[in-house]
Amino acid sequence: MVFKLGWYYWAMSFVTLSFYYCYKITKESNRKNWIIFNSFSLLAVYTHYYGVFAVGIIYSMLCVHSIFKNRALIKNCILSIIFMVLSIFHGLFSLFLIVEVVFLVMMNNLKSLS
């Protein structure tokens, strides 16, 4: 139980920091804030499934803000979303490759036993 609580803590921390830098982007959009925002968002997504939901809401709020309040943020918002989607698919692809290798090794071990 303590181990699982630790992952909730990290996910909550990354989501909070992601939201903080999203707020900073709405006030002052610069490269440093975008990089840190994307980094904490990606860490939140990779840490826990609830991070996916929370980061999705943060990105939605940022897109709505960029459409209605500050149109200069639209390009960076779209690039940020593309970065997140590609990073998530890269992680899933890597996971599937690892699972495939483990499965093949297990099948070879079972064949050698019989």
Protein backbone atom coordinates (compact mmCIF):
# COMPACT_ATOMS: atom_id res chain seq x y z
CA MET A 1 0.00 0.00 0.00
CA VAL A 2 2.82 2.41 0.80
CA PHE A 3 4.41 1.75 -2.60
CA LYS A 4 1.17 2.57 -4.42
CA LEU A 5 0.69 5.72 -2.34
CA GLY A 6 4.12 6.89 -3.50
CA TRP A 7 3.05 6.75 -7.16
CA TYR A 8 -0.12 8.73 -6.41
CA TYR A 9 2.06 11.33 -4.70
CA TRP A 10 4.39 11.65 -7.69
CA ALA A 11 1.51 11.84 -10.17
CA MET A 12 -0.21 14.51 -8.09
CA SER A 13 3.04 16.48 -7.83
CA PHE A 14 3.69 16.32 -11.58
CA VAL A 15 0.10 17.34 -12.39
CA THR A 16 0.34 20.28 -9.98
CA LEU A 17 3.63 21.44 -11.47
CA SER A 18 2.22 20.99 -14.96
CA PHE A 19 -0.76 23.17 -14.05
CA TYR A 20 1.54 25.79 -12.51
CA TYR A 21 3.61 26.06 -15.68
CA CYS A 22 0.44 26.12 -17.78
CA TYR A 23 -0.60 29.14 -15.73
CA LYS A 24 2.83 30.70 -16.27
CA ILE A 25 2.45 30.13 -20.03
CA THR A 26 -0.81 32.08 -20.04
CA LYS A 27 0.98 34.99 -18.36
CA GLU A 28 4.36 34.81 -20.15
CA SER A 29 4.84 32.43 -23.05
CA ASN A 30 8.50 31.57 -23.52
CA ARG A 31 10.45 28.50 -24.53
CA LYS A 32 11.54 27.62 -20.97
CA ASN A 33 7.95 27.53 -19.67
CA TRP A 34 6.79 25.37 -22.60
CA ILE A 35 9.62 22.87 -22.14
CA ILE A 36 9.04 22.55 -18.40
CA PHE A 37 5.26 22.31 -18.91
CA ASN A 38 5.66 19.52 -21.47
CA SER A 39 8.19 17.70 -19.28
CA PHE A 40 5.99 17.69 -16.19
CA SER A 41 2.95 16.74 -18.28
CA LEU A 42 4.78 13.78 -19.78
CA LEU A 43 6.04 12.69 -16.37
CA ALA A 44 2.49 12.85 -15.00
CA VAL A 45 1.18 10.75 -17.90
CA TYR A 46 3.92 8.13 -17.52
CA THR A 47 3.59 8.00 -13.73
CA HIS A 48 -0.08 7.11 -13.33
CA TYR A 49 -3.25 6.67 -15.37
CA TYR A 50 -4.98 9.46 -13.48
CA GLY A 51 -2.27 11.76 -14.79
CA VAL A 52 -3.57 11.18 -18.33
CA PHE A 53 -7.00 12.48 -17.36
CA ALA A 54 -5.66 15.47 -15.43
CA VAL A 55 -3.15 16.46 -18.12
CA GLY A 56 -5.88 16.13 -20.74
CA ILE A 57 -7.99 18.63 -18.82
CA ILE A 58 -5.01 21.00 -18.47
CA TYR A 59 -4.30 20.84 -22.20
CA SER A 60 -8.00 21.42 -22.94
CA MET A 61 -8.02 24.50 -20.71
CA LEU A 62 -4.86 25.78 -22.41
CA CYS A 63 -6.36 25.29 -25.87
CA VAL A 64 -9.59 27.05 -24.92
CA HIS A 65 -7.57 29.92 -23.44
CA SER A 66 -5.43 30.16 -26.56
CA ILE A 67 -8.49 30.24 -28.84
CA PHE A 68 -10.47 32.85 -26.93
CA LYS A 69 -7.89 34.98 -25.12
CA ASN A 70 -4.44 34.72 -26.71
CA ARG A 71 -4.33 33.50 -30.30
CA ALA A 72 -0.53 33.65 -30.34
CA LEU A 73 -0.45 30.48 -28.21
CA ILE A 74 -2.35 28.30 -30.71
CA LYS A 75 0.75 27.22 -32.67
CA ASN A 76 2.68 26.27 -29.52
CA CYS A 77 -0.38 24.52 -28.08
CA ILE A 78 -0.76 22.36 -31.18
CA LEU A 79 2.96 21.55 -31.24
CA SER A 80 2.79 20.63 -27.57
CA ILE A 81 -0.14 18.28 -28.15
CA ILE A 82 1.68 16.63 -31.07
CA PHE A 83 4.76 16.17 -28.86
CA MET A 84 2.66 14.54 -26.13
CA VAL A 85 0.87 12.17 -28.51
CA LEU A 86 4.13 11.09 -30.16
CA SER A 87 5.80 10.60 -26.77
CA ILE A 88 2.92 8.50 -25.48
CA PHE A 89 2.88 6.34 -28.63
CA HIS A 90 6.64 5.91 -28.40
CA GLY A 91 6.27 4.69 -24.82
CA LEU A 92 3.49 2.27 -25.79
CA PHE A 93 5.50 0.98 -28.75
CA SER A 94 8.50 0.37 -26.49
CA LEU A 95 6.27 -1.44 -23.99
CA PHE A 96 4.87 -3.71 -26.70
CA LEU A 97 8.39 -4.54 -27.92
CA ILE A 98 9.47 -5.46 -24.40
CA VAL A 99 6.40 -7.65 -23.89
CA GLU A 100 7.04 -9.38 -27.23
CA VAL A 101 10.68 -10.12 -26.34
CA VAL A 102 9.70 -11.49 -22.93
CA PHE A 103 7.01 -13.66 -24.55
CA LEU A 104 9.47 -15.04 -27.11
CA VAL A 105 12.05 -15.82 -24.43
CA MET A 106 9.41 -17.62 -22.35
CA MET A 107 8.30 -19.66 -25.37
CA ASN A 108 11.92 -20.66 -26.13
CA ASN A 109 12.41 -21.72 -22.52
CA LEU A 110 9.24 -23.81 -22.61
CA LYS A 111 10.36 -25.51 -25.85
CA SER A 112 13.77 -26.32 -24.38
CA LEU A 113 12.14 -27.91 -21.31
CA SER A 114 10.05 -30.32 -23.34
